[in-house]
Amino acid sequence: MPDNTIVIIEIFSAPGCNKCGKAFQLVKTVLKELGDESINLRRINVVDELDYAVALGIRATPSIVINGVLVFTTTPDTEALCKAILTQQNR
């Protein structure tokens, strides 16, 4: 992977959403396994950034955005998440 490639993962969640917490933990676990420091993770409260969420087409939580593209509208399995992250790294 080129040194200048940065992947930004945003988890859109709602306050009190148990599934959102699980999605965030899954992403943290996958990122730890990948061991890549160039991946930035941001958890976004959909209520606080509603305009941004709407602009991305988010209609449900948890939703996962990678590099500004809505990739998952529910919690993915580990394999699908890894594949999506690695695909973005190689762009």
C-alpha atoms as a PDB file:
ATOM      1  CA  MET A   1       0.000   0.000   0.000  1.00  0.00           C
ATOM      2  CA  PRO A   2       1.370   3.462  -0.809  1.00  0.00           C
ATOM      3  CA  ASP A   3       2.438   5.467   2.222  1.00  0.00           C
ATOM      4  CA  ASN A   4       0.187   8.398   1.317  1.00  0.00           C
ATOM      5  CA  THR A   5      -3.041   6.380   1.132  1.00  0.00           C
ATOM      6  CA  ILE A   6      -5.321   7.107   4.055  1.00  0.00           C
ATOM      7  CA  VAL A   7      -8.564   5.268   4.644  1.00  0.00           C
ATOM      8  CA  ILE A   8     -11.243   7.037   6.667  1.00  0.00           C
ATOM      9  CA  ILE A   9     -13.934   4.864   8.199  1.00  0.00           C
ATOM     10  CA  GLU A  10     -16.985   6.535   9.694  1.00  0.00           C
ATOM     11  CA  ILE A  11     -19.505   4.642  11.800  1.00  0.00           C
ATOM     12  CA  PHE A  12     -22.875   6.381  11.959  1.00  0.00           C
ATOM     13  CA  SER A  13     -24.683   5.480  15.149  1.00  0.00           C
ATOM     14  CA  ALA A  14     -27.672   6.552  17.201  1.00  0.00           C
ATOM     15  CA  PRO A  15     -27.672   7.207  20.942  1.00  0.00           C
ATOM     16  CA  GLY A  16     -28.482   4.055  22.892  1.00  0.00           C
ATOM     17  CA  CYS A  17     -28.221   1.784  19.846  1.00  0.00           C
ATOM     18  CA  ASN A  18     -26.796  -1.578  20.922  1.00  0.00           C
ATOM     19  CA  LYS A  19     -26.169  -2.692  17.324  1.00  0.00           C
ATOM     20  CA  CYS A  20     -24.217   0.515  16.693  1.00  0.00           C
ATOM     21  CA  GLY A  21     -21.916  -0.218  19.616  1.00  0.00           C
ATOM     22  CA  LYS A  22     -21.311  -3.728  18.300  1.00  0.00           C
ATOM     23  CA  ALA A  23     -20.545  -2.392  14.815  1.00  0.00           C
ATOM     24  CA  PHE A  24     -18.040   0.082  16.256  1.00  0.00           C
ATOM     25  CA  GLN A  25     -16.321  -2.660  18.273  1.00  0.00           C
ATOM     26  CA  LEU A  26     -16.174  -4.901  15.193  1.00  0.00           C
ATOM     27  CA  VAL A  27     -14.467  -2.189  13.174  1.00  0.00           C
ATOM     28  CA  LYS A  28     -11.997  -1.503  16.004  1.00  0.00           C
ATOM     29  CA  THR A  29     -11.182  -5.215  16.221  1.00  0.00           C
ATOM     30  CA  VAL A  30     -10.668  -5.535  12.455  1.00  0.00           C
ATOM     31  CA  LEU A  31      -8.449  -2.441  12.379  1.00  0.00           C
ATOM     32  CA  LYS A  32      -6.358  -3.834  15.227  1.00  0.00           C
ATOM     33  CA  GLU A  33      -5.940  -7.109  13.315  1.00  0.00           C
ATOM     34  CA  LEU A  34      -4.936  -5.239  10.155  1.00  0.00           C
ATOM     35  CA  GLY A  35      -2.445  -3.204  12.192  1.00  0.00           C
ATOM     36  CA  ASP A  36      -2.513  -0.314   9.735  1.00  0.00           C
ATOM     37  CA  GLU A  37      -1.855   3.123  11.191  1.00  0.00           C
ATOM     38  CA  SER A  38      -3.091   4.914   8.049  1.00  0.00           C
ATOM     39  CA  ILE A  39      -6.709   3.983   8.762  1.00  0.00           C
ATOM     40  CA  ASN A  40      -8.674   6.614  10.667  1.00  0.00           C
ATOM     41  CA  LEU A  41     -11.832   5.669  12.550  1.00  0.00           C
ATOM     42  CA  ARG A  42     -14.542   8.154  13.445  1.00  0.00           C
ATOM     43  CA  ARG A  43     -17.786   7.435  15.297  1.00  0.00           C
ATOM     44  CA  ILE A  44     -20.547   9.849  14.298  1.00  0.00           C
ATOM     45  CA  ASN A  45     -23.756  10.475  16.210  1.00  0.00           C
ATOM     46  CA  VAL A  46     -26.325  10.591  13.421  1.00  0.00           C
ATOM     47  CA  VAL A  47     -28.466  13.023  15.419  1.00  0.00           C
ATOM     48  CA  ASP A  48     -25.592  15.508  15.725  1.00  0.00           C
ATOM     49  CA  GLU A  49     -24.635  15.299  12.045  1.00  0.00           C
ATOM     50  CA  LEU A  50     -27.989  14.632  10.418  1.00  0.00           C
ATOM     51  CA  ASP A  51     -27.323  16.777   7.326  1.00  0.00           C
ATOM     52  CA  TYR A  52     -24.095  14.894   6.630  1.00  0.00           C
ATOM     53  CA  ALA A  53     -25.839  11.541   7.122  1.00  0.00           C
ATOM     54  CA  VAL A  54     -28.649  12.515   4.747  1.00  0.00           C
ATOM     55  CA  ALA A  55     -26.138  13.706   2.137  1.00  0.00           C
ATOM     56  CA  LEU A  56     -24.517  10.258   2.232  1.00  0.00           C
ATOM     57  CA  GLY A  57     -27.870   8.495   1.889  1.00  0.00           C
ATOM     58  CA  ILE A  58     -27.908   7.037   5.393  1.00  0.00           C
ATOM     59  CA  ARG A  59     -31.378   5.957   6.465  1.00  0.00           C
ATOM     60  CA  ALA A  60     -30.566   3.506   9.246  1.00  0.00           C
ATOM     61  CA  THR A  61     -27.961   2.854  11.892  1.00  0.00           C
ATOM     62  CA  PRO A  62     -25.449   1.460  12.151  1.00  0.00           C
ATOM     63  CA  SER A  63     -24.085   2.517   8.796  1.00  0.00           C
ATOM     64  CA  ILE A  64     -20.453   2.368   7.749  1.00  0.00           C
ATOM     65  CA  VAL A  65     -18.901   4.848   5.346  1.00  0.00           C
ATOM     66  CA  ILE A  66     -15.438   4.277   3.901  1.00  0.00           C
ATOM     67  CA  ASN A  67     -13.710   7.226   2.258  1.00  0.00           C
ATOM     68  CA  GLY A  68     -16.990   9.100   1.861  1.00  0.00           C
ATOM     69  CA  VAL A  69     -18.905   6.190   0.321  1.00  0.00           C
ATOM     70  CA  LEU A  70     -21.745   4.418   2.115  1.00  0.00           C
ATOM     71  CA  VAL A  71     -20.618   0.788   2.102  1.00  0.00           C
ATOM     72  CA  PHE A  72     -22.727  -0.938   4.771  1.00  0.00           C
ATOM     73  CA  THR A  73     -26.196  -0.119   6.087  1.00  0.00           C
ATOM     74  CA  THR A  74     -26.006  -2.736   8.798  1.00  0.00           C
ATOM     75  CA  THR A  75     -23.233  -4.486  10.692  1.00  0.00           C
ATOM     76  CA  PRO A  76     -21.212  -6.529   8.193  1.00  0.00           C
ATOM     77  CA  ASP A  77     -19.471  -9.782   8.909  1.00  0.00           C
ATOM     78  CA  THR A  78     -15.742  -9.634   9.555  1.00  0.00           C
ATOM     79  CA  GLU A  79     -14.779 -10.957   6.118  1.00  0.00           C
ATOM     80  CA  ALA A  80     -16.891  -8.405   4.223  1.00  0.00           C
ATOM     81  CA  LEU A  81     -15.541  -5.564   6.351  1.00  0.00           C
ATOM     82  CA  CYS A  82     -11.911  -6.607   5.813  1.00  0.00           C
ATOM     83  CA  LYS A  83     -12.486  -6.912   2.071  1.00  0.00           C
ATOM     84  CA  ALA A  84     -14.063  -3.440   1.880  1.00  0.00           C
ATOM     85  CA  ILE A  85     -11.205  -1.851   3.840  1.00  0.00           C
ATOM     86  CA  LEU A  86      -8.507  -3.568   1.801  1.00  0.00           C
ATOM     87  CA  THR A  87     -10.249  -2.582  -1.437  1.00  0.00           C
ATOM     88  CA  GLN A  88     -10.159   1.077  -0.378  1.00  0.00           C
ATOM     89  CA  GLN A  89      -6.482   0.828   0.599  1.00  0.00           C
ATOM     90  CA  ASN A  90      -5.557  -0.393  -2.851  1.00  0.00           C
ATOM     91  CA  ARG A  91      -7.267   2.439  -4.739  1.00  0.00           C
END
